[in-house]
Amino acid sequence: MDIGNISGMYSDVLSTKNQSTTKLENKLNTDLTQAADDELMEACEQFEAYFVEQMFKSMMKTVPKNEDMSAATSTLTDYYKDEMLRELATDSTETNSLGLAQTLYEQMKRNYEL
């Protein structure tokens, strides 16, 4: 088994994770008072996806861990589990929205309407 490439794969995943978190943080820190409707809705949808991802992560904490795994395997499993939860949250927001994004959008439009 070649484990030399595992650390490279893990660092690639971490950088992808950090990039997506940074993208959302940049979007949330942007002044959206002059944003187009599409940009505002996209920011709201990203927030909803992040919210759903955090819910999924909280739910996963209730699942008992497998004590038979080595530390390296456990770390790698946790990484891929995080990626899976992120994609699942994004997909579920796109297909079956909770309505949070629409509510945020309407609230922001109402508060920032000139």
PDB file of N, CA and C in Angstrom:
ATOM      1  N   MET A   1       0.843  -1.181   0.000  1.00  0.00           N
ATOM      2  CA  MET A   1       0.000   0.000   0.000  1.00  0.00           C
ATOM      3  C   MET A   1       0.882   1.235   0.000  1.00  0.00           C
ATOM      4  N   ASP A   2       0.672   2.124  -0.953  1.00  0.00           N
ATOM      5  CA  ASP A   2       1.452   3.350  -1.068  1.00  0.00           C
ATOM      6  C   ASP A   2       0.776   4.452  -0.259  1.00  0.00           C
ATOM      7  N   ILE A   3       1.400   4.817   0.866  1.00  0.00           N
ATOM      8  CA  ILE A   3       0.805   5.847   1.708  1.00  0.00           C
ATOM      9  C   ILE A   3       1.452   7.208   1.479  1.00  0.00           C
ATOM     10  N   GLY A   4       2.409   7.286   0.597  1.00  0.00           N
ATOM     11  CA  GLY A   4       3.083   8.552   0.327  1.00  0.00           C
ATOM     12  C   GLY A   4       2.150   9.602  -0.241  1.00  0.00           C
ATOM     13  N   ASN A   5       1.187   9.187  -1.026  1.00  0.00           N
ATOM     14  CA  ASN A   5       0.276  10.126  -1.670  1.00  0.00           C
ATOM     15  C   ASN A   5      -0.902  10.514  -0.780  1.00  0.00           C
ATOM     16  N   ILE A   6      -1.118   9.808   0.317  1.00  0.00           N
ATOM     17  CA  ILE A   6      -2.245  10.086   1.197  1.00  0.00           C
ATOM     18  C   ILE A   6      -2.126  11.468   1.809  1.00  0.00           C
ATOM     19  N   SER A   7      -0.950  11.842   2.269  1.00  0.00           N
ATOM     20  CA  SER A   7      -0.801  13.168   2.872  1.00  0.00           C
ATOM     21  C   SER A   7      -1.041  14.262   1.843  1.00  0.00           C
ATOM     22  N   GLY A   8      -0.645  14.031   0.588  1.00  0.00           N
ATOM     23  CA  GLY A   8      -0.905  15.002  -0.473  1.00  0.00           C
ATOM     24  C   GLY A   8      -2.386  15.141  -0.740  1.00  0.00           C
ATOM     25  N   MET A   9      -3.101  14.008  -0.744  1.00  0.00           N
ATOM     26  CA  MET A   9      -4.549  14.048  -0.951  1.00  0.00           C
ATOM     27  C   MET A   9      -5.225  14.785   0.203  1.00  0.00           C
ATOM     28  N   TYR A  10      -4.752  14.530   1.415  1.00  0.00           N
ATOM     29  CA  TYR A  10      -5.346  15.155   2.591  1.00  0.00           C
ATOM     30  C   TYR A  10      -5.126  16.663   2.570  1.00  0.00           C
ATOM     31  N   SER A  11      -3.938  17.108   2.200  1.00  0.00           N
ATOM     32  CA  SER A  11      -3.679  18.548   2.138  1.00  0.00           C
ATOM     33  C   SER A  11      -4.485  19.204   1.023  1.00  0.00           C
ATOM     34  N   ASP A  12      -4.703  18.490  -0.103  1.00  0.00           N
ATOM     35  CA  ASP A  12      -5.550  19.020  -1.170  1.00  0.00           C
ATOM     36  C   ASP A  12      -6.984  19.219  -0.679  1.00  0.00           C
ATOM     37  N   VAL A  13      -7.464  18.275   0.097  1.00  0.00           N
ATOM     38  CA  VAL A  13      -8.822  18.362   0.630  1.00  0.00           C
ATOM     39  C   VAL A  13      -8.928  19.522   1.608  1.00  0.00           C
ATOM     40  N   LEU A  14      -7.933  19.677   2.470  1.00  0.00           N
ATOM     41  CA  LEU A  14      -7.966  20.777   3.427  1.00  0.00           C
ATOM     42  C   LEU A  14      -7.953  22.123   2.727  1.00  0.00           C
ATOM     43  N   SER A  15      -7.164  22.249   1.668  1.00  0.00           N
ATOM     44  CA  SER A  15      -7.127  23.520   0.950  1.00  0.00           C
ATOM     45  C   SER A  15      -8.459  23.793   0.267  1.00  0.00           C
ATOM     46  N   THR A  16      -9.110  22.760  -0.267  1.00  0.00           N
ATOM     47  CA  THR A  16     -10.435  22.924  -0.870  1.00  0.00           C
ATOM     48  C   THR A  16     -11.445  23.341   0.185  1.00  0.00           C
ATOM     49  N   LYS A  17     -11.369  22.724   1.357  1.00  0.00           N
ATOM     50  CA  LYS A  17     -12.277  23.063   2.453  1.00  0.00           C
ATOM     51  C   LYS A  17     -12.083  24.515   2.860  1.00  0.00           C
ATOM     52  N   ASN A  18     -10.834  24.932   3.008  1.00  0.00           N
ATOM     53  CA  ASN A  18     -10.545  26.310   3.402  1.00  0.00           C
ATOM     54  C   ASN A  18     -10.992  27.299   2.334  1.00  0.00           C
ATOM     55  N   GLN A  19     -10.862  26.946   1.057  1.00  0.00           N
ATOM     56  CA  GLN A  19     -11.277  27.835  -0.023  1.00  0.00           C
ATOM     57  C   GLN A  19     -12.783  28.043  -0.016  1.00  0.00           C
ATOM     58  N   SER A  20     -13.549  26.979   0.201  1.00  0.00           N
ATOM     59  CA  SER A  20     -15.004  27.126   0.198  1.00  0.00           C
ATOM     60  C   SER A  20     -15.474  27.926   1.409  1.00  0.00           C
ATOM     61  N   THR A  21     -14.838  27.733   2.565  1.00  0.00           N
ATOM     62  CA  THR A  21     -15.181  28.512   3.748  1.00  0.00           C
ATOM     63  C   THR A  21     -14.826  29.969   3.539  1.00  0.00           C
ATOM     64  N   THR A  22     -13.655  30.232   2.953  1.00  0.00           N
ATOM     65  CA  THR A  22     -13.231  31.593   2.685  1.00  0.00           C
ATOM     66  C   THR A  22     -14.154  32.263   1.683  1.00  0.00           C
ATOM     67  N   LYS A  23     -14.617  31.538   0.684  1.00  0.00           N
ATOM     68  CA  LYS A  23     -15.534  32.081  -0.319  1.00  0.00           C
ATOM     69  C   LYS A  23     -16.824  32.553   0.334  1.00  0.00           C
ATOM     70  N   LEU A  24     -17.381  31.742   1.240  1.00  0.00           N
ATOM     71  CA  LEU A  24     -18.601  32.127   1.942  1.00  0.00           C
ATOM     72  C   LEU A  24     -18.337  33.321   2.849  1.00  0.00           C
ATOM     73  N   GLU A  25     -17.225  33.315   3.577  1.00  0.00           N
ATOM     74  CA  GLU A  25     -16.906  34.437   4.458  1.00  0.00           C
ATOM     75  C   GLU A  25     -16.754  35.728   3.664  1.00  0.00           C
ATOM     76  N   ASN A  26     -16.090  35.656   2.512  1.00  0.00           N
ATOM     77  CA  ASN A  26     -15.940  36.848   1.668  1.00  0.00           C
ATOM     78  C   ASN A  26     -17.292  37.351   1.200  1.00  0.00           C
ATOM     79  N   LYS A  27     -18.180  36.432   0.825  1.00  0.00           N
ATOM     80  CA  LYS A  27     -19.509  36.808   0.346  1.00  0.00           C
ATOM     81  C   LYS A  27     -20.304  37.467   1.470  1.00  0.00           C
ATOM     82  N   LEU A  28     -20.192  36.920   2.691  1.00  0.00           N
ATOM     83  CA  LEU A  28     -20.944  37.472   3.813  1.00  0.00           C
ATOM     84  C   LEU A  28     -20.383  38.816   4.271  1.00  0.00           C
ATOM     85  N   ASN A  29     -19.082  39.026   4.103  1.00  0.00           N
ATOM     86  CA  ASN A  29     -18.462  40.285   4.509  1.00  0.00           C
ATOM     87  C   ASN A  29     -18.586  41.373   3.455  1.00  0.00           C
ATOM     88  N   THR A  30     -19.080  41.033   2.288  1.00  0.00           N
ATOM     89  CA  THR A  30     -19.243  41.998   1.208  1.00  0.00           C
ATOM     90  C   THR A  30     -20.466  42.868   1.480  1.00  0.00           C
ATOM     91  N   ASP A  31     -20.347  44.153   1.152  1.00  0.00           N
ATOM     92  CA  ASP A  31     -21.483  45.066   1.280  1.00  0.00           C
ATOM     93  C   ASP A  31     -22.466  44.756   0.161  1.00  0.00           C
ATOM     94  N   LEU A  32     -23.590  44.180   0.511  1.00  0.00           N
ATOM     95  CA  LEU A  32     -24.579  43.745  -0.473  1.00  0.00           C
ATOM     96  C   LEU A  32     -25.706  44.757  -0.656  1.00  0.00           C
ATOM     97  N   THR A  33     -25.523  45.991  -0.152  1.00  0.00           N
ATOM     98  CA  THR A  33     -26.596  46.979  -0.281  1.00  0.00           C
ATOM     99  C   THR A  33     -26.829  47.368  -1.732  1.00  0.00           C
ATOM    100  N   GLN A  34     -25.808  47.296  -2.579  1.00  0.00           N
ATOM    101  CA  GLN A  34     -25.951  47.641  -3.991  1.00  0.00           C
ATOM    102  C   GLN A  34     -25.920  46.406  -4.891  1.00  0.00           C
ATOM    103  N   ALA A  35     -26.065  45.232  -4.300  1.00  0.00           N
ATOM    104  CA  ALA A  35     -25.968  43.984  -5.055  1.00  0.00           C
ATOM    105  C   ALA A  35     -27.200  43.772  -5.924  1.00  0.00           C
ATOM    106  N   ALA A  36     -26.982  43.103  -7.018  1.00  0.00           N
ATOM    107  CA  ALA A  36     -28.102  42.707  -7.876  1.00  0.00           C
ATOM    108  C   ALA A  36     -28.881  41.600  -7.175  1.00  0.00           C
ATOM    109  N   ASP A  37     -30.102  41.414  -7.593  1.00  0.00           N
ATOM    110  CA  ASP A  37     -30.955  40.401  -6.970  1.00  0.00           C
ATOM    111  C   ASP A  37     -30.338  39.004  -7.036  1.00  0.00           C
ATOM    112  N   ASP A  38     -29.704  38.676  -8.161  1.00  0.00           N
ATOM    113  CA  ASP A  38     -29.086  37.359  -8.318  1.00  0.00           C
ATOM    114  C   ASP A  38     -27.939  37.165  -7.329  1.00  0.00           C
ATOM    115  N   GLU A  39     -27.128  38.196  -7.147  1.00  0.00           N
ATOM    116  CA  GLU A  39     -25.999  38.105  -6.217  1.00  0.00           C
ATOM    117  C   GLU A  39     -26.492  37.943  -4.786  1.00  0.00           C
ATOM    118  N   LEU A  40     -27.522  38.674  -4.448  1.00  0.00           N
ATOM    119  CA  LEU A  40     -28.083  38.591  -3.106  1.00  0.00           C
ATOM    120  C   LEU A  40     -28.678  37.210  -2.847  1.00  0.00           C
ATOM    121  N   MET A  41     -29.404  36.681  -3.818  1.00  0.00           N
ATOM    122  CA  MET A  41     -29.994  35.350  -3.663  1.00  0.00           C
ATOM    123  C   MET A  41     -28.905  34.287  -3.573  1.00  0.00           C
ATOM    124  N   GLU A  42     -27.835  34.434  -4.350  1.00  0.00           N
ATOM    125  CA  GLU A  42     -26.732  33.470  -4.292  1.00  0.00           C
ATOM    126  C   GLU A  42     -26.090  33.464  -2.911  1.00  0.00           C
ATOM    127  N   ALA A  43     -25.898  34.645  -2.328  1.00  0.00           N
ATOM    128  CA  ALA A  43     -25.327  34.727  -0.977  1.00  0.00           C
ATOM    129  C   ALA A  43     -26.255  34.068   0.038  1.00  0.00           C
ATOM    130  N   CYS A  44     -27.536  34.271  -0.102  1.00  0.00           N
ATOM    131  CA  CYS A  44     -28.511  33.653   0.807  1.00  0.00           C
ATOM    132  C   CYS A  44     -28.514  32.137   0.658  1.00  0.00           C
ATOM    133  N   GLU A  45     -28.401  31.651  -0.576  1.00  0.00           N
ATOM    134  CA  GLU A  45     -28.359  30.201  -0.805  1.00  0.00           C
ATOM    135  C   GLU A  45     -27.083  29.595  -0.236  1.00  0.00           C
ATOM    136  N   GLN A  46     -25.967  30.301  -0.350  1.00  0.00           N
ATOM    137  CA  GLN A  46     -24.722  29.804   0.230  1.00  0.00           C
ATOM    138  C   GLN A  46     -24.823  29.739   1.748  1.00  0.00           C
ATOM    139  N   PHE A  47     -25.462  30.730   2.342  1.00  0.00           N
ATOM    140  CA  PHE A  47     -25.648  30.706   3.793  1.00  0.00           C
ATOM    141  C   PHE A  47     -26.524  29.533   4.205  1.00  0.00           C
ATOM    142  N   GLU A  48     -27.601  29.284   3.460  1.00  0.00           N
ATOM    143  CA  GLU A  48     -28.475  28.151   3.780  1.00  0.00           C
ATOM    144  C   GLU A  48     -27.718  26.832   3.668  1.00  0.00           C
ATOM    145  N   ALA A  49     -26.896  26.687   2.627  1.00  0.00           N
ATOM    146  CA  ALA A  49     -26.108  25.461   2.463  1.00  0.00           C
ATOM    147  C   ALA A  49     -25.142  25.290   3.631  1.00  0.00           C
ATOM    148  N   TYR A  50     -24.521  26.375   4.067  1.00  0.00           N
ATOM    149  CA  TYR A  50     -23.604  26.316   5.206  1.00  0.00           C
ATOM    150  C   TYR A  50     -24.355  25.923   6.482  1.00  0.00           C
ATOM    151  N   PHE A  51     -25.526  26.489   6.673  1.00  0.00           N
ATOM    152  CA  PHE A  51     -26.358  26.172   7.831  1.00  0.00           C
ATOM    153  C   PHE A  51     -26.731  24.696   7.839  1.00  0.00           C
ATOM    154  N   VAL A  52     -27.161  24.179   6.702  1.00  0.00           N
ATOM    155  CA  VAL A  52     -27.534  22.760   6.599  1.00  0.00           C
ATOM    156  C   VAL A  52     -26.309  21.873   6.842  1.00  0.00           C
ATOM    157  N   GLU A  53     -25.148  22.280   6.317  1.00  0.00           N
ATOM    158  CA  GLU A  53     -23.916  21.518   6.551  1.00  0.00           C
ATOM    159  C   GLU A  53     -23.610  21.426   8.043  1.00  0.00           C
ATOM    160  N   GLN A  54     -23.751  22.522   8.763  1.00  0.00           N
ATOM    161  CA  GLN A  54     -23.495  22.518  10.201  1.00  0.00           C
ATOM    162  C   GLN A  54     -24.503  21.628  10.936  1.00  0.00           C
ATOM    163  N   MET A  55     -25.748  21.595  10.467  1.00  0.00           N
ATOM    164  CA  MET A  55     -26.740  20.687  11.058  1.00  0.00           C
ATOM    165  C   MET A  55     -26.323  19.237  10.850  1.00  0.00           C
ATOM    166  N   PHE A  56     -25.900  18.910   9.616  1.00  0.00           N
ATOM    167  CA  PHE A  56     -25.472  17.545   9.332  1.00  0.00           C
ATOM    168  C   PHE A  56     -24.272  17.151  10.194  1.00  0.00           C
ATOM    169  N   LYS A  57     -23.327  18.065  10.364  1.00  0.00           N
ATOM    170  CA  LYS A  57     -22.147  17.772  11.188  1.00  0.00           C
ATOM    171  C   LYS A  57     -22.542  17.523  12.641  1.00  0.00           C
ATOM    172  N   SER A  58     -23.492  18.296  13.136  1.00  0.00           N
ATOM    173  CA  SER A  58     -23.977  18.084  14.505  1.00  0.00           C
ATOM    174  C   SER A  58     -24.660  16.732  14.633  1.00  0.00           C
ATOM    175  N   MET A  59     -25.416  16.346  13.614  1.00  0.00           N
ATOM    176  CA  MET A  59     -26.079  15.046  13.647  1.00  0.00           C
ATOM    177  C   MET A  59     -25.054  13.912  13.600  1.00  0.00           C
ATOM    178  N   MET A  60     -23.976  14.096  12.832  1.00  0.00           N
ATOM    179  CA  MET A  60     -22.951  13.048  12.721  1.00  0.00           C
ATOM    180  C   MET A  60     -22.221  12.829  14.044  1.00  0.00           C
ATOM    181  N   LYS A  61     -22.184  13.852  14.890  1.00  0.00           N
ATOM    182  CA  LYS A  61     -21.527  13.705  16.196  1.00  0.00           C
ATOM    183  C   LYS A  61     -22.261  12.722  17.091  1.00  0.00           C
ATOM    184  N   THR A  62     -23.519  12.456  16.795  1.00  0.00           N
ATOM    185  CA  THR A  62     -24.289  11.525  17.614  1.00  0.00           C
ATOM    186  C   THR A  62     -24.047  10.072  17.218  1.00  0.00           C
ATOM    187  N   VAL A  63     -23.389   9.852  16.070  1.00  0.00           N
ATOM    188  CA  VAL A  63     -23.112   8.497  15.596  1.00  0.00           C
ATOM    189  C   VAL A  63     -21.853   7.986  16.300  1.00  0.00           C
ATOM    190  N   PRO A  64     -21.914   6.802  16.930  1.00  0.00           N
ATOM    191  CA  PRO A  64     -20.735   6.263  17.611  1.00  0.00           C
ATOM    192  C   PRO A  64     -19.568   6.044  16.644  1.00  0.00           C
ATOM    193  N   LYS A  65     -18.359   6.332  17.120  1.00  0.00           N
ATOM    194  CA  LYS A  65     -17.168   6.157  16.297  1.00  0.00           C
ATOM    195  C   LYS A  65     -16.680   4.720  16.371  1.00  0.00           C
ATOM    196  N   ASN A  66     -16.024   4.284  15.286  1.00  0.00           N
ATOM    197  CA  ASN A  66     -15.432   2.957  15.224  1.00  0.00           C
ATOM    198  C   ASN A  66     -14.073   3.019  15.907  1.00  0.00           C
ATOM    199  N   GLU A  67     -13.921   2.342  17.012  1.00  0.00           N
ATOM    200  CA  GLU A  67     -12.678   2.376  17.787  1.00  0.00           C
ATOM    201  C   GLU A  67     -11.575   1.517  17.173  1.00  0.00           C
ATOM    202  N   ASP A  68     -11.890   0.696  16.176  1.00  0.00           N
ATOM    203  CA  ASP A  68     -10.905  -0.195  15.575  1.00  0.00           C
ATOM    204  C   ASP A  68     -10.035   0.485  14.533  1.00  0.00           C
ATOM    205  N   MET A  69     -10.361   1.716  14.129  1.00  0.00           N
ATOM    206  CA  MET A  69      -9.606   2.418  13.086  1.00  0.00           C
ATOM    207  C   MET A  69      -8.328   3.021  13.644  1.00  0.00           C
ATOM    208  N   SER A  70      -7.295   3.053  12.811  1.00  0.00           N
ATOM    209  CA  SER A  70      -6.062   3.723  13.204  1.00  0.00           C
ATOM    210  C   SER A  70      -6.279   5.232  13.137  1.00  0.00           C
ATOM    211  N   ALA A  71      -5.349   5.997  13.697  1.00  0.00           N
ATOM    212  CA  ALA A  71      -5.483   7.460  13.724  1.00  0.00           C
ATOM    213  C   ALA A  71      -5.461   8.038  12.311  1.00  0.00           C
ATOM    214  N   ALA A  72      -4.592   7.526  11.441  1.00  0.00           N
ATOM    215  CA  ALA A  72      -4.498   8.033  10.071  1.00  0.00           C
ATOM    216  C   ALA A  72      -5.772   7.739   9.292  1.00  0.00           C
ATOM    217  N   THR A  73      -6.288   6.542   9.446  1.00  0.00           N
ATOM    218  CA  THR A  73      -7.526   6.168   8.755  1.00  0.00           C
ATOM    219  C   THR A  73      -8.696   6.999   9.262  1.00  0.00           C
ATOM    220  N   SER A  74      -8.737   7.215  10.555  1.00  0.00           N
ATOM    221  CA  SER A  74      -9.804   8.015  11.146  1.00  0.00           C
ATOM    222  C   SER A  74      -9.759   9.445  10.638  1.00  0.00           C
ATOM    223  N   THR A  75      -8.567  10.025  10.547  1.00  0.00           N
ATOM    224  CA  THR A  75      -8.411  11.391  10.049  1.00  0.00           C
ATOM    225  C   THR A  75      -8.856  11.489   8.605  1.00  0.00           C
ATOM    226  N   LEU A  76      -8.445  10.530   7.799  1.00  0.00           N
ATOM    227  CA  LEU A  76      -8.818  10.525   6.385  1.00  0.00           C
ATOM    228  C   LEU A  76     -10.328  10.322   6.219  1.00  0.00           C
ATOM    229  N   THR A  77     -10.894   9.457   7.030  1.00  0.00           N
ATOM    230  CA  THR A  77     -12.335   9.237   6.990  1.00  0.00           C
ATOM    231  C   THR A  77     -13.081  10.510   7.373  1.00  0.00           C
ATOM    232  N   ASP A  78     -12.597  11.191   8.404  1.00  0.00           N
ATOM    233  CA  ASP A  78     -13.229  12.443   8.821  1.00  0.00           C
ATOM    234  C   ASP A  78     -13.166  13.482   7.712  1.00  0.00           C
ATOM    235  N   TYR A  79     -12.067  13.546   7.002  1.00  0.00           N
ATOM    236  CA  TYR A  79     -11.924  14.499   5.903  1.00  0.00           C
ATOM    237  C   TYR A  79     -12.957  14.230   4.815  1.00  0.00           C
ATOM    238  N   TYR A  80     -13.046  12.981   4.385  1.00  0.00           N
ATOM    239  CA  TYR A  80     -13.991  12.648   3.318  1.00  0.00           C
ATOM    240  C   TYR A  80     -15.435  12.763   3.797  1.00  0.00           C
ATOM    241  N   LYS A  81     -15.654  12.504   5.082  1.00  0.00           N
ATOM    242  CA  LYS A  81     -16.988  12.670   5.641  1.00  0.00           C
ATOM    243  C   LYS A  81     -17.384  14.148   5.584  1.00  0.00           C
ATOM    244  N   ASP A  82     -16.442  15.044   5.907  1.00  0.00           N
ATOM    245  CA  ASP A  82     -16.711  16.483   5.825  1.00  0.00           C
ATOM    246  C   ASP A  82     -17.027  16.910   4.403  1.00  0.00           C
ATOM    247  N   GLU A  83     -16.274  16.394   3.449  1.00  0.00           N
ATOM    248  CA  GLU A  83     -16.529  16.723   2.039  1.00  0.00           C
ATOM    249  C   GLU A  83     -17.898  16.204   1.590  1.00  0.00           C
ATOM    250  N   MET A  84     -18.224  14.991   2.029  1.00  0.00           N
ATOM    251  CA  MET A  84     -19.508  14.406   1.679  1.00  0.00           C
ATOM    252  C   MET A  84     -20.649  15.234   2.270  1.00  0.00           C
ATOM    253  N   LEU A  85     -20.509  15.646   3.519  1.00  0.00           N
ATOM    254  CA  LEU A  85     -21.545  16.450   4.154  1.00  0.00           C
ATOM    255  C   LEU A  85     -21.702  17.804   3.473  1.00  0.00           C
ATOM    256  N   ARG A  86     -20.595  18.397   3.046  1.00  0.00           N
ATOM    257  CA  ARG A  86     -20.646  19.691   2.347  1.00  0.00           C
ATOM    258  C   ARG A  86     -21.408  19.554   1.028  1.00  0.00           C
ATOM    259  N   GLU A  87     -21.077  18.523   0.272  1.00  0.00           N
ATOM    260  CA  GLU A  87     -21.764  18.302  -1.002  1.00  0.00           C
ATOM    261  C   GLU A  87     -23.230  17.946  -0.797  1.00  0.00           C
ATOM    262  N   LEU A  88     -23.506  17.139   0.204  1.00  0.00           N
ATOM    263  CA  LEU A  88     -24.886  16.760   0.504  1.00  0.00           C
ATOM    264  C   LEU A  88     -25.704  17.985   0.907  1.00  0.00           C
ATOM    265  N   ALA A  89     -25.116  18.870   1.696  1.00  0.00           N
ATOM    266  CA  ALA A  89     -25.807  20.097   2.106  1.00  0.00           C
ATOM    267  C   ALA A  89     -26.084  20.991   0.906  1.00  0.00           C
ATOM    268  N   THR A  90     -25.096  21.139   0.029  1.00  0.00           N
ATOM    269  CA  THR A  90     -25.274  21.969  -1.161  1.00  0.00           C
ATOM    270  C   THR A  90     -26.356  21.384  -2.063  1.00  0.00           C
ATOM    271  N   ASP A  91     -26.295  20.081  -2.288  1.00  0.00           N
ATOM    272  CA  ASP A  91     -27.293  19.427  -3.140  1.00  0.00           C
ATOM    273  C   ASP A  91     -28.693  19.512  -2.545  1.00  0.00           C
ATOM    274  N   SER A  92     -28.803  19.299  -1.242  1.00  0.00           N
ATOM    275  CA  SER A  92     -30.129  19.341  -0.625  1.00  0.00           C
ATOM    276  C   SER A  92     -30.694  20.754  -0.629  1.00  0.00           C
ATOM    277  N   THR A  93     -29.835  21.748  -0.526  1.00  0.00           N
ATOM    278  CA  THR A  93     -30.299  23.134  -0.597  1.00  0.00           C
ATOM    279  C   THR A  93     -30.771  23.474  -1.998  1.00  0.00           C
ATOM    280  N   GLU A  94     -30.080  22.963  -2.998  1.00  0.00           N
ATOM    281  CA  GLU A  94     -30.465  23.250  -4.383  1.00  0.00           C
ATOM    282  C   GLU A  94     -31.755  22.536  -4.774  1.00  0.00           C
ATOM    283  N   THR A  95     -31.973  21.332  -4.268  1.00  0.00           N
ATOM    284  CA  THR A  95     -33.147  20.562  -4.684  1.00  0.00           C
ATOM    285  C   THR A  95     -34.347  20.754  -3.770  1.00  0.00           C
ATOM    286  N   ASN A  96     -34.129  20.703  -2.474  1.00  0.00           N
ATOM    287  CA  ASN A  96     -35.223  20.815  -1.495  1.00  0.00           C
ATOM    288  C   ASN A  96     -34.863  21.869  -0.461  1.00  0.00           C
ATOM    289  N   SER A  97     -34.963  23.103  -0.847  1.00  0.00           N
ATOM    290  CA  SER A  97     -34.596  24.193   0.040  1.00  0.00           C
ATOM    291  C   SER A  97     -35.476  24.216   1.283  1.00  0.00           C
ATOM    292  N   LEU A  98     -34.884  24.607   2.409  1.00  0.00           N
ATOM    293  CA  LEU A  98     -35.642  24.769   3.643  1.00  0.00           C
ATOM    294  C   LEU A  98     -36.495  26.036   3.615  1.00  0.00           C
ATOM    295  N   GLY A  99     -36.178  26.921   2.696  1.00  0.00           N
ATOM    296  CA  GLY A  99     -36.871  28.197   2.636  1.00  0.00           C
ATOM    297  C   GLY A  99     -36.112  29.298   3.358  1.00  0.00           C
ATOM    298  N   LEU A 100     -35.007  28.924   3.998  1.00  0.00           N
ATOM    299  CA  LEU A 100     -34.214  29.899   4.727  1.00  0.00           C
ATOM    300  C   LEU A 100     -33.617  30.942   3.787  1.00  0.00           C
ATOM    301  N   ALA A 101     -33.110  30.506   2.644  1.00  0.00           N
ATOM    302  CA  ALA A 101     -32.503  31.429   1.681  1.00  0.00           C
ATOM    303  C   ALA A 101     -33.543  32.429   1.178  1.00  0.00           C
ATOM    304  N   GLN A 102     -34.724  31.963   0.856  1.00  0.00           N
ATOM    305  CA  GLN A 102     -35.780  32.851   0.364  1.00  0.00           C
ATOM    306  C   GLN A 102     -36.201  33.842   1.441  1.00  0.00           C
ATOM    307  N   THR A 103     -36.302  33.378   2.681  1.00  0.00           N
ATOM    308  CA  THR A 103     -36.675  34.252   3.788  1.00  0.00           C
ATOM    309  C   THR A 103     -35.618  35.320   4.022  1.00  0.00           C
ATOM    310  N   LEU A 104     -34.352  34.914   4.012  1.00  0.00           N
ATOM    311  CA  LEU A 104     -33.255  35.884   4.162  1.00  0.00           C
ATOM    312  C   LEU A 104     -33.264  36.899   3.037  1.00  0.00           C
ATOM    313  N   TYR A 105     -33.474  36.415   1.825  1.00  0.00           N
ATOM    314  CA  TYR A 105     -33.500  37.285   0.655  1.00  0.00           C
ATOM    315  C   TYR A 105     -34.596  38.334   0.792  1.00  0.00           C
ATOM    316  N   GLU A 106     -35.797  37.888   1.134  1.00  0.00           N
ATOM    317  CA  GLU A 106     -36.913  38.821   1.268  1.00  0.00           C
ATOM    318  C   GLU A 106     -36.671  39.829   2.389  1.00  0.00           C
ATOM    319  N   GLN A 107     -36.090  39.356   3.499  1.00  0.00           N
ATOM    320  CA  GLN A 107     -35.797  40.245   4.626  1.00  0.00           C
ATOM    321  C   GLN A 107     -34.747  41.290   4.231  1.00  0.00           C
ATOM    322  N   MET A 108     -33.720  40.858   3.542  1.00  0.00           N
ATOM    323  CA  MET A 108     -32.658  41.793   3.138  1.00  0.00           C
ATOM    324  C   MET A 108     -33.184  42.795   2.111  1.00  0.00           C
ATOM    325  N   LYS A 109     -34.006  42.333   1.189  1.00  0.00           N
ATOM    326  CA  LYS A 109     -34.587  43.255   0.195  1.00  0.00           C
ATOM    327  C   LYS A 109     -35.468  44.281   0.892  1.00  0.00           C
ATOM    328  N   ARG A 110     -36.213  43.848   1.877  1.00  0.00           N
ATOM    329  CA  ARG A 110     -37.109  44.749   2.593  1.00  0.00           C
ATOM    330  C   ARG A 110     -36.307  45.781   3.406  1.00  0.00           C
ATOM    331  N   ASN A 111     -35.222  45.326   4.050  1.00  0.00           N
ATOM    332  CA  ASN A 111     -34.426  46.223   4.894  1.00  0.00           C
ATOM    333  C   ASN A 111     -33.536  47.174   4.118  1.00  0.00           C
ATOM    334  N   TYR A 112     -33.080  46.759   2.932  1.00  0.00           N
ATOM    335  CA  TYR A 112     -32.139  47.579   2.168  1.00  0.00           C
ATOM    336  C   TYR A 112     -32.777  48.237   0.943  1.00  0.00           C
ATOM    337  N   GLU A 113     -34.090  48.192   0.874  1.00  0.00           N
ATOM    338  CA  GLU A 113     -34.780  48.826  -0.262  1.00  0.00           C
ATOM    339  C   GLU A 113     -34.649  50.332  -0.118  1.00  0.00           C
ATOM    340  N   LEU A 114     -34.249  50.970  -1.202  1.00  0.00           N
ATOM    341  CA  LEU A 114     -34.067  52.429  -1.174  1.00  0.00           C
ATOM    342  C   LEU A 114     -35.279  53.132  -1.705  1.00  0.00           C
TER     343      LEU A 114
END
